[in-house]
Amino acid sequence: MKSGTEEKRKNKRKIYLDTNLQIIFGITLAYIMGVTSITPAFPKMIKELNISAKDVGLLISIFSFSSILLTSFLGVVADRWSRKKIIFPSLMLFGIAGELCFFVRDFKLLLILRLIQGIGAAPLSSLTVTIIGDLYSKKELITAMGYNSSVRSIGSAVYPAIGGALAMMGWHYPFILPVIAIPIGFFVLFNLKIPEPENELHIREHLNIVWKKLRDRQVVGLLVIGIIIFVMLFGSYMTCFPLLLGNSFGALLLL
């Protein structure tokens, strides 16, 4: 009995060692840096770009707006065509637009680049969950979802510290980080092995299905809760907290 149990344990797959799941972790760590890594630089940005606290918040709003607006549509396109055909260019767009922010010193141009970066980020969150569902089932699916959520939480906790350390050298230095999305994109292109969707529905039919789902009260309720949590976390906390700290410590230094 003991030997049989030990053999089962040996044969049990360590899912976190799966290359596909590790690439998904990389995608997750890439897209969450779009907000969490730059907010510590806000106090310096306000001072050096001569903008208001209200203006600097637009860097989060415009990034999030493009993501929220396009997520459902790009998810439908990915179901129709290919996950990789959406994820790879999205990561490239996210990484290049984010990296260009490092070189920009004009706030209006910075907003345009953040809008483009948000378009790149739009499908990444939903498609990582979709791909996990494509690759795994039953207990493995639950385990993979748990690992991915843990990676997202760790990234959300670590990126502000990394962004803050980089911001000490200059407000634009946190914008170096999105370049990580580019090599991850090539890993997706050449190493991610996923079953591609076999779907002959017209894209209009897909959109009709999405629209029907959006009229479901439970779906609407979940969306509203998700938006409220997002606004509280990235609006009230991630955006305002660094500004509050900057103003408080600035006031203390003046005293």
C-alpha atoms as a PDB file:
ATOM      1  CA  MET A   1       0.000   0.000   0.000  1.00  0.00           C
ATOM      2  CA  LYS A   2       2.792   2.401   0.918  1.00  0.00           C
ATOM      3  CA  SER A   3       4.688   1.790  -2.304  1.00  0.00           C
ATOM      4  CA  GLY A   4       1.482   2.343  -4.313  1.00  0.00           C
ATOM      5  CA  THR A   5       0.811   5.663  -2.558  1.00  0.00           C
ATOM      6  CA  GLU A   6       4.404   6.784  -3.084  1.00  0.00           C
ATOM      7  CA  GLU A   7       4.196   5.882  -6.779  1.00  0.00           C
ATOM      8  CA  LYS A   8       1.015   7.937  -7.159  1.00  0.00           C
ATOM      9  CA  ARG A   9       2.726  10.903  -5.531  1.00  0.00           C
ATOM     10  CA  LYS A  10       5.691  10.600  -7.893  1.00  0.00           C
ATOM     11  CA  ASN A  11       3.417  10.370 -10.928  1.00  0.00           C
ATOM     12  CA  LYS A  12       1.342  13.350  -9.815  1.00  0.00           C
ATOM     13  CA  ARG A  13       2.151  16.292 -12.094  1.00  0.00           C
ATOM     14  CA  LYS A  14       3.636  19.378 -10.485  1.00  0.00           C
ATOM     15  CA  ILE A  15       1.529  21.822 -12.410  1.00  0.00           C
ATOM     16  CA  TYR A  16       3.605  24.892 -11.524  1.00  0.00           C
ATOM     17  CA  LEU A  17       6.499  23.335 -13.494  1.00  0.00           C
ATOM     18  CA  ASP A  18       4.404  23.256 -16.675  1.00  0.00           C
ATOM     19  CA  THR A  19       5.980  25.601 -19.251  1.00  0.00           C
ATOM     20  CA  ASN A  20       2.552  26.741 -20.447  1.00  0.00           C
ATOM     21  CA  LEU A  21       1.514  27.817 -16.963  1.00  0.00           C
ATOM     22  CA  GLN A  22       4.846  29.561 -16.362  1.00  0.00           C
ATOM     23  CA  ILE A  23       4.326  31.600 -19.545  1.00  0.00           C
ATOM     24  CA  ILE A  24       0.839  32.494 -18.292  1.00  0.00           C
ATOM     25  CA  PHE A  25       2.457  33.681 -15.048  1.00  0.00           C
ATOM     26  CA  GLY A  26       4.696  35.904 -17.171  1.00  0.00           C
ATOM     27  CA  ILE A  27       1.695  37.404 -18.983  1.00  0.00           C
ATOM     28  CA  THR A  28      -0.007  38.036 -15.631  1.00  0.00           C
ATOM     29  CA  LEU A  29       3.084  39.741 -14.200  1.00  0.00           C
ATOM     30  CA  ALA A  30       3.352  41.864 -17.347  1.00  0.00           C
ATOM     31  CA  TYR A  31      -0.134  43.346 -17.489  1.00  0.00           C
ATOM     32  CA  ILE A  32      -0.515  44.118 -13.774  1.00  0.00           C
ATOM     33  CA  MET A  33       2.567  46.347 -13.846  1.00  0.00           C
ATOM     34  CA  GLY A  34       0.614  48.817 -15.998  1.00  0.00           C
ATOM     35  CA  VAL A  35      -0.774  50.493 -12.877  1.00  0.00           C
ATOM     36  CA  THR A  36       1.005  49.225  -9.786  1.00  0.00           C
ATOM     37  CA  SER A  37       4.554  50.082 -10.868  1.00  0.00           C
ATOM     38  CA  ILE A  38       4.047  53.744 -11.833  1.00  0.00           C
ATOM     39  CA  THR A  39       1.901  55.172  -9.025  1.00  0.00           C
ATOM     40  CA  PRO A  40       4.856  55.645  -6.614  1.00  0.00           C
ATOM     41  CA  ALA A  41       6.302  58.120  -9.143  1.00  0.00           C
ATOM     42  CA  PHE A  42       3.197  60.350  -9.085  1.00  0.00           C
ATOM     43  CA  PRO A  43       4.453  62.885  -6.504  1.00  0.00           C
ATOM     44  CA  LYS A  44       7.601  63.484  -8.592  1.00  0.00           C
ATOM     45  CA  MET A  45       5.594  63.654 -11.810  1.00  0.00           C
ATOM     46  CA  ILE A  46       3.333  66.365 -10.397  1.00  0.00           C
ATOM     47  CA  LYS A  47       6.337  68.441  -9.444  1.00  0.00           C
ATOM     48  CA  GLU A  48       8.531  67.935 -12.508  1.00  0.00           C
ATOM     49  CA  LEU A  49       5.799  67.983 -15.186  1.00  0.00           C
ATOM     50  CA  ASN A  50       3.983  70.868 -13.461  1.00  0.00           C
ATOM     51  CA  ILE A  51       0.611  69.121 -13.413  1.00  0.00           C
ATOM     52  CA  SER A  52      -2.112  68.701 -10.791  1.00  0.00           C
ATOM     53  CA  ALA A  53      -3.006  65.606  -8.779  1.00  0.00           C
ATOM     54  CA  LYS A  54      -6.207  65.411 -10.824  1.00  0.00           C
ATOM     55  CA  ASP A  55      -4.202  65.380 -14.057  1.00  0.00           C
ATOM     56  CA  VAL A  56      -1.813  62.651 -12.941  1.00  0.00           C
ATOM     57  CA  GLY A  57      -4.780  60.411 -12.147  1.00  0.00           C
ATOM     58  CA  LEU A  58      -5.605  60.461 -15.865  1.00  0.00           C
ATOM     59  CA  LEU A  59      -2.606  58.184 -16.429  1.00  0.00           C
ATOM     60  CA  ILE A  60      -4.558  55.460 -14.626  1.00  0.00           C
ATOM     61  CA  SER A  61      -8.009  56.397 -15.939  1.00  0.00           C
ATOM     62  CA  ILE A  62      -7.077  56.457 -19.622  1.00  0.00           C
ATOM     63  CA  PHE A  63      -5.125  53.209 -19.337  1.00  0.00           C
ATOM     64  CA  SER A  64      -8.028  51.478 -17.582  1.00  0.00           C
ATOM     65  CA  PHE A  65     -10.689  52.975 -19.869  1.00  0.00           C
ATOM     66  CA  SER A  66      -9.192  51.484 -23.021  1.00  0.00           C
ATOM     67  CA  SER A  67      -8.809  48.129 -21.268  1.00  0.00           C
ATOM     68  CA  ILE A  68     -12.410  48.048 -20.019  1.00  0.00           C
ATOM     69  CA  LEU A  69     -13.785  49.189 -23.385  1.00  0.00           C
ATOM     70  CA  LEU A  70     -11.989  46.604 -25.514  1.00  0.00           C
ATOM     71  CA  THR A  71     -11.719  43.515 -23.274  1.00  0.00           C
ATOM     72  CA  SER A  72     -14.989  41.879 -24.331  1.00  0.00           C
ATOM     73  CA  PHE A  73     -14.512  42.615 -28.032  1.00  0.00           C
ATOM     74  CA  LEU A  74     -10.931  41.306 -28.142  1.00  0.00           C
ATOM     75  CA  GLY A  75     -12.021  38.222 -26.198  1.00  0.00           C
ATOM     76  CA  VAL A  76     -14.582  37.518 -28.913  1.00  0.00           C
ATOM     77  CA  VAL A  77     -11.935  38.035 -31.615  1.00  0.00           C
ATOM     78  CA  ALA A  78      -9.600  35.609 -29.804  1.00  0.00           C
ATOM     79  CA  ASP A  79     -12.391  33.004 -29.708  1.00  0.00           C
ATOM     80  CA  ARG A  80     -12.940  33.469 -33.417  1.00  0.00           C
ATOM     81  CA  TRP A  81      -9.333  33.544 -34.630  1.00  0.00           C
ATOM     82  CA  SER A  82      -6.565  32.562 -32.222  1.00  0.00           C
ATOM     83  CA  ARG A  83      -5.423  33.247 -28.668  1.00  0.00           C
ATOM     84  CA  LYS A  84      -1.820  33.731 -29.789  1.00  0.00           C
ATOM     85  CA  LYS A  85      -2.803  36.123 -32.598  1.00  0.00           C
ATOM     86  CA  ILE A  86      -4.270  38.413 -29.951  1.00  0.00           C
ATOM     87  CA  ILE A  87      -1.857  37.906 -27.036  1.00  0.00           C
ATOM     88  CA  PHE A  88       1.409  38.310 -28.976  1.00  0.00           C
ATOM     89  CA  PRO A  89       0.636  41.715 -30.597  1.00  0.00           C
ATOM     90  CA  SER A  90      -1.014  42.860 -27.367  1.00  0.00           C
ATOM     91  CA  LEU A  91       2.163  42.180 -25.378  1.00  0.00           C
ATOM     92  CA  MET A  92       4.264  43.901 -28.069  1.00  0.00           C
ATOM     93  CA  LEU A  93       1.987  46.951 -28.005  1.00  0.00           C
ATOM     94  CA  PHE A  94       1.960  47.019 -24.207  1.00  0.00           C
ATOM     95  CA  GLY A  95       5.748  46.736 -23.980  1.00  0.00           C
ATOM     96  CA  ILE A  96       6.661  49.200 -26.746  1.00  0.00           C
ATOM     97  CA  ALA A  97       4.133  51.887 -25.752  1.00  0.00           C
ATOM     98  CA  GLY A  98       5.122  51.500 -22.091  1.00  0.00           C
ATOM     99  CA  GLU A  99       8.819  51.751 -22.917  1.00  0.00           C
ATOM    100  CA  LEU A 100       8.285  54.878 -25.056  1.00  0.00           C
ATOM    101  CA  CYS A 101       6.785  56.546 -21.970  1.00  0.00           C
ATOM    102  CA  PHE A 102      10.292  56.450 -20.494  1.00  0.00           C
ATOM    103  CA  PHE A 103      11.551  58.879 -23.164  1.00  0.00           C
ATOM    104  CA  VAL A 104       8.575  61.267 -23.153  1.00  0.00           C
ATOM    105  CA  ARG A 105       8.553  64.540 -21.197  1.00  0.00           C
ATOM    106  CA  ASP A 106       5.288  65.971 -22.535  1.00  0.00           C
ATOM    107  CA  PHE A 107       2.242  65.041 -20.464  1.00  0.00           C
ATOM    108  CA  LYS A 108      -0.226  64.997 -23.384  1.00  0.00           C
ATOM    109  CA  LEU A 109       1.985  62.639 -25.373  1.00  0.00           C
ATOM    110  CA  LEU A 110       2.360  60.527 -22.242  1.00  0.00           C
ATOM    111  CA  LEU A 111      -1.436  60.197 -22.052  1.00  0.00           C
ATOM    112  CA  ILE A 112      -1.603  59.075 -25.696  1.00  0.00           C
ATOM    113  CA  LEU A 113       1.024  56.398 -25.055  1.00  0.00           C
ATOM    114  CA  ARG A 114      -0.826  55.253 -21.945  1.00  0.00           C
ATOM    115  CA  LEU A 115      -4.010  54.923 -24.009  1.00  0.00           C
ATOM    116  CA  ILE A 116      -2.136  52.736 -26.517  1.00  0.00           C
ATOM    117  CA  GLN A 117      -0.577  50.723 -23.697  1.00  0.00           C
ATOM    118  CA  GLY A 118      -4.039  50.174 -22.224  1.00  0.00           C
ATOM    119  CA  ILE A 119      -5.227  48.809 -25.581  1.00  0.00           C
ATOM    120  CA  GLY A 120      -2.360  46.334 -25.414  1.00  0.00           C
ATOM    121  CA  ALA A 121      -3.291  45.341 -21.876  1.00  0.00           C
ATOM    122  CA  ALA A 122      -7.019  44.965 -22.650  1.00  0.00           C
ATOM    123  CA  PRO A 123      -7.216  41.246 -23.545  1.00  0.00           C
ATOM    124  CA  LEU A 124      -4.404  39.925 -21.360  1.00  0.00           C
ATOM    125  CA  SER A 125      -6.248  39.448 -18.071  1.00  0.00           C
ATOM    126  CA  SER A 126      -9.277  37.671 -19.526  1.00  0.00           C
ATOM    127  CA  LEU A 127      -7.282  35.538 -21.965  1.00  0.00           C
ATOM    128  CA  THR A 128      -4.939  34.190 -19.294  1.00  0.00           C
ATOM    129  CA  VAL A 129      -7.993  32.836 -17.461  1.00  0.00           C
ATOM    130  CA  THR A 130      -9.425  31.489 -20.736  1.00  0.00           C
ATOM    131  CA  ILE A 131      -6.173  29.720 -21.622  1.00  0.00           C
ATOM    132  CA  ILE A 132      -5.973  28.130 -18.171  1.00  0.00           C
ATOM    133  CA  GLY A 133      -9.488  26.820 -18.788  1.00  0.00           C
ATOM    134  CA  ASP A 134      -8.372  25.476 -22.191  1.00  0.00           C
ATOM    135  CA  LEU A 135      -5.335  23.695 -20.780  1.00  0.00           C
ATOM    136  CA  TYR A 136      -6.568  22.220 -17.512  1.00  0.00           C
ATOM    137  CA  SER A 137      -9.652  20.622 -16.022  1.00  0.00           C
ATOM    138  CA  LYS A 138     -11.063  19.541 -12.666  1.00  0.00           C
ATOM    139  CA  LYS A 139      -8.521  19.748  -9.806  1.00  0.00           C
ATOM    140  CA  GLU A 140      -5.712  20.929 -12.069  1.00  0.00           C
ATOM    141  CA  LEU A 141      -7.888  23.818 -13.231  1.00  0.00           C
ATOM    142  CA  ILE A 142      -8.542  24.943  -9.640  1.00  0.00           C
ATOM    143  CA  THR A 143      -4.845  24.585  -8.781  1.00  0.00           C
ATOM    144  CA  ALA A 144      -3.720  26.522 -11.867  1.00  0.00           C
ATOM    145  CA  MET A 145      -6.225  29.309 -11.147  1.00  0.00           C
ATOM    146  CA  GLY A 146      -4.971  29.469  -7.572  1.00  0.00           C
ATOM    147  CA  TYR A 147      -1.336  29.704  -8.634  1.00  0.00           C
ATOM    148  CA  ASN A 148      -2.134  32.440 -11.157  1.00  0.00           C
ATOM    149  CA  SER A 149      -4.094  34.438  -8.564  1.00  0.00           C
ATOM    150  CA  SER A 150      -1.146  34.114  -6.169  1.00  0.00           C
ATOM    151  CA  VAL A 151       1.258  35.378  -8.835  1.00  0.00           C
ATOM    152  CA  ARG A 152      -1.048  38.328  -9.522  1.00  0.00           C
ATOM    153  CA  SER A 153      -1.248  39.161  -5.806  1.00  0.00           C
ATOM    154  CA  ILE A 154       2.527  38.887  -5.355  1.00  0.00           C
ATOM    155  CA  GLY A 155       3.094  41.139  -8.357  1.00  0.00           C
ATOM    156  CA  SER A 156       0.586  43.697  -7.070  1.00  0.00           C
ATOM    157  CA  ALA A 157       2.451  43.774  -3.748  1.00  0.00           C
ATOM    158  CA  VAL A 158       5.994  43.856  -5.173  1.00  0.00           C
ATOM    159  CA  TYR A 159       5.643  46.257  -8.109  1.00  0.00           C
ATOM    160  CA  PRO A 160       4.946  49.366  -6.001  1.00  0.00           C
ATOM    161  CA  ALA A 161       8.221  48.736  -4.128  1.00  0.00           C
ATOM    162  CA  ILE A 162      10.144  48.249  -7.389  1.00  0.00           C
ATOM    163  CA  GLY A 163       8.460  51.280  -8.954  1.00  0.00           C
ATOM    164  CA  GLY A 164       9.210  53.374  -5.873  1.00  0.00           C
ATOM    165  CA  ALA A 165      12.888  52.366  -5.938  1.00  0.00           C
ATOM    166  CA  LEU A 166      13.145  53.271  -9.631  1.00  0.00           C
ATOM    167  CA  ALA A 167      11.267  56.542  -9.096  1.00  0.00           C
ATOM    168  CA  MET A 168      14.020  57.645  -6.710  1.00  0.00           C
ATOM    169  CA  MET A 169      16.251  57.999  -9.807  1.00  0.00           C
ATOM    170  CA  GLY A 170      13.561  59.900 -11.723  1.00  0.00           C
ATOM    171  CA  TRP A 171       9.800  59.817 -12.315  1.00  0.00           C
ATOM    172  CA  HIS A 172      10.228  58.186 -15.742  1.00  0.00           C
ATOM    173  CA  TYR A 173      12.326  55.212 -14.593  1.00  0.00           C
ATOM    174  CA  PRO A 174       9.360  52.960 -13.637  1.00  0.00           C
ATOM    175  CA  PHE A 175       8.419  53.026 -17.328  1.00  0.00           C
ATOM    176  CA  ILE A 176      11.453  50.842 -18.038  1.00  0.00           C
ATOM    177  CA  LEU A 177       9.581  47.833 -16.632  1.00  0.00           C
ATOM    178  CA  PRO A 178       7.060  47.228 -19.472  1.00  0.00           C
ATOM    179  CA  VAL A 179       9.913  46.157 -21.766  1.00  0.00           C
ATOM    180  CA  ILE A 180       9.622  42.776 -19.982  1.00  0.00           C
ATOM    181  CA  ALA A 181       6.422  42.191 -21.978  1.00  0.00           C
ATOM    182  CA  ILE A 182       8.395  41.935 -25.251  1.00  0.00           C
ATOM    183  CA  PRO A 183      10.420  38.762 -24.460  1.00  0.00           C
ATOM    184  CA  ILE A 184       7.312  37.288 -22.824  1.00  0.00           C
ATOM    185  CA  GLY A 185       5.510  37.883 -26.120  1.00  0.00           C
ATOM    186  CA  PHE A 186       8.111  35.823 -27.975  1.00  0.00           C
ATOM    187  CA  PHE A 187       7.775  33.053 -25.389  1.00  0.00           C
ATOM    188  CA  VAL A 188       4.050  33.068 -26.123  1.00  0.00           C
ATOM    189  CA  LEU A 189       4.678  32.923 -29.865  1.00  0.00           C
ATOM    190  CA  PHE A 190       7.207  30.080 -29.853  1.00  0.00           C
ATOM    191  CA  ASN A 191       6.698  28.137 -26.612  1.00  0.00           C
ATOM    192  CA  LEU A 192       3.061  28.399 -25.533  1.00  0.00           C
ATOM    193  CA  LYS A 193       1.226  25.250 -26.606  1.00  0.00           C
ATOM    194  CA  ILE A 194      -2.521  25.736 -26.453  1.00  0.00           C
ATOM    195  CA  PRO A 195      -5.473  24.226 -28.330  1.00  0.00           C
ATOM    196  CA  GLU A 196      -6.758  26.829 -30.739  1.00  0.00           C
ATOM    197  CA  PRO A 197     -10.532  27.416 -30.839  1.00  0.00           C
ATOM    198  CA  GLU A 198     -12.515  25.644 -33.536  1.00  0.00           C
ATOM    199  CA  ASN A 199     -15.353  28.071 -33.888  1.00  0.00           C
ATOM    200  CA  GLU A 200     -17.252  28.785 -37.086  1.00  0.00           C
ATOM    201  CA  LEU A 201     -19.621  31.352 -35.609  1.00  0.00           C
ATOM    202  CA  HIS A 202     -19.534  34.767 -37.234  1.00  0.00           C
ATOM    203  CA  ILE A 203     -18.120  37.527 -35.036  1.00  0.00           C
ATOM    204  CA  ARG A 204     -21.540  39.213 -35.040  1.00  0.00           C
ATOM    205  CA  GLU A 205     -23.046  36.053 -33.529  1.00  0.00           C
ATOM    206  CA  HIS A 206     -20.335  36.078 -30.855  1.00  0.00           C
ATOM    207  CA  LEU A 207     -21.156  39.676 -29.985  1.00  0.00           C
ATOM    208  CA  ASN A 208     -24.862  38.818 -29.765  1.00  0.00           C
ATOM    209  CA  ILE A 209     -24.040  36.031 -27.281  1.00  0.00           C
ATOM    210  CA  VAL A 210     -21.916  38.470 -25.224  1.00  0.00           C
ATOM    211  CA  TRP A 211     -24.738  41.016 -25.272  1.00  0.00           C
ATOM    212  CA  LYS A 212     -27.229  38.399 -24.039  1.00  0.00           C
ATOM    213  CA  LYS A 213     -24.870  37.438 -21.211  1.00  0.00           C
ATOM    214  CA  LEU A 214     -24.491  41.082 -20.224  1.00  0.00           C
ATOM    215  CA  ARG A 215     -28.249  41.304 -19.718  1.00  0.00           C
ATOM    216  CA  ASP A 216     -28.085  38.562 -17.088  1.00  0.00           C
ATOM    217  CA  ARG A 217     -28.527  40.103 -13.623  1.00  0.00           C
ATOM    218  CA  GLN A 218     -25.924  37.864 -12.035  1.00  0.00           C
ATOM    219  CA  VAL A 219     -23.349  38.761 -14.700  1.00  0.00           C
ATOM    220  CA  VAL A 220     -24.141  42.468 -14.325  1.00  0.00           C
ATOM    221  CA  GLY A 221     -23.843  42.151 -10.545  1.00  0.00           C
ATOM    222  CA  LEU A 222     -20.433  40.509 -10.821  1.00  0.00           C
ATOM    223  CA  LEU A 223     -19.275  43.186 -13.276  1.00  0.00           C
ATOM    224  CA  VAL A 224     -20.431  45.986 -10.962  1.00  0.00           C
ATOM    225  CA  ILE A 225     -18.669  44.386  -7.983  1.00  0.00           C
ATOM    226  CA  GLY A 226     -15.513  43.967 -10.072  1.00  0.00           C
ATOM    227  CA  ILE A 227     -15.593  47.612 -11.169  1.00  0.00           C
ATOM    228  CA  ILE A 228     -16.149  48.820  -7.583  1.00  0.00           C
ATOM    229  CA  ILE A 229     -13.201  46.733  -6.333  1.00  0.00           C
ATOM    230  CA  PHE A 230     -11.050  48.015  -9.214  1.00  0.00           C
ATOM    231  CA  VAL A 231     -11.938  51.657  -8.483  1.00  0.00           C
ATOM    232  CA  MET A 232     -11.282  51.214  -4.762  1.00  0.00           C
ATOM    233  CA  LEU A 233      -7.959  49.433  -5.264  1.00  0.00           C
ATOM    234  CA  PHE A 234      -6.468  51.339  -8.190  1.00  0.00           C
ATOM    235  CA  GLY A 235      -8.330  54.625  -7.779  1.00  0.00           C
ATOM    236  CA  SER A 236      -8.628  55.287  -4.075  1.00  0.00           C
ATOM    237  CA  TYR A 237      -5.613  53.312  -2.883  1.00  0.00           C
ATOM    238  CA  MET A 238      -2.980  52.827  -5.583  1.00  0.00           C
ATOM    239  CA  THR A 239      -3.372  56.342  -7.016  1.00  0.00           C
ATOM    240  CA  CYS A 240      -4.179  58.488  -3.989  1.00  0.00           C
ATOM    241  CA  PHE A 241      -2.031  56.778  -1.371  1.00  0.00           C
ATOM    242  CA  PRO A 242       1.343  57.704  -2.971  1.00  0.00           C
ATOM    243  CA  LEU A 243       0.116  61.307  -3.362  1.00  0.00           C
ATOM    244  CA  LEU A 244      -0.980  61.378   0.270  1.00  0.00           C
ATOM    245  CA  LEU A 245       2.393  60.053   1.399  1.00  0.00           C
ATOM    246  CA  GLY A 246       4.222  62.524  -0.825  1.00  0.00           C
ATOM    247  CA  ASN A 247       2.229  65.478   0.484  1.00  0.00           C
ATOM    248  CA  SER A 248       2.526  64.361   4.124  1.00  0.00           C
ATOM    249  CA  PHE A 249       6.263  63.743   4.036  1.00  0.00           C
ATOM    250  CA  GLY A 250       6.759  66.914   2.028  1.00  0.00           C
ATOM    251  CA  ALA A 251       4.891  68.854   4.696  1.00  0.00           C
ATOM    252  CA  LEU A 252       6.990  67.224   7.427  1.00  0.00           C
ATOM    253  CA  LEU A 253      10.209  68.122   5.623  1.00  0.00           C
ATOM    254  CA  LEU A 254       9.123  71.752   5.383  1.00  0.00           C
ATOM    255  CA  LEU A 255       8.552  71.798   9.117  1.00  0.00           C
END
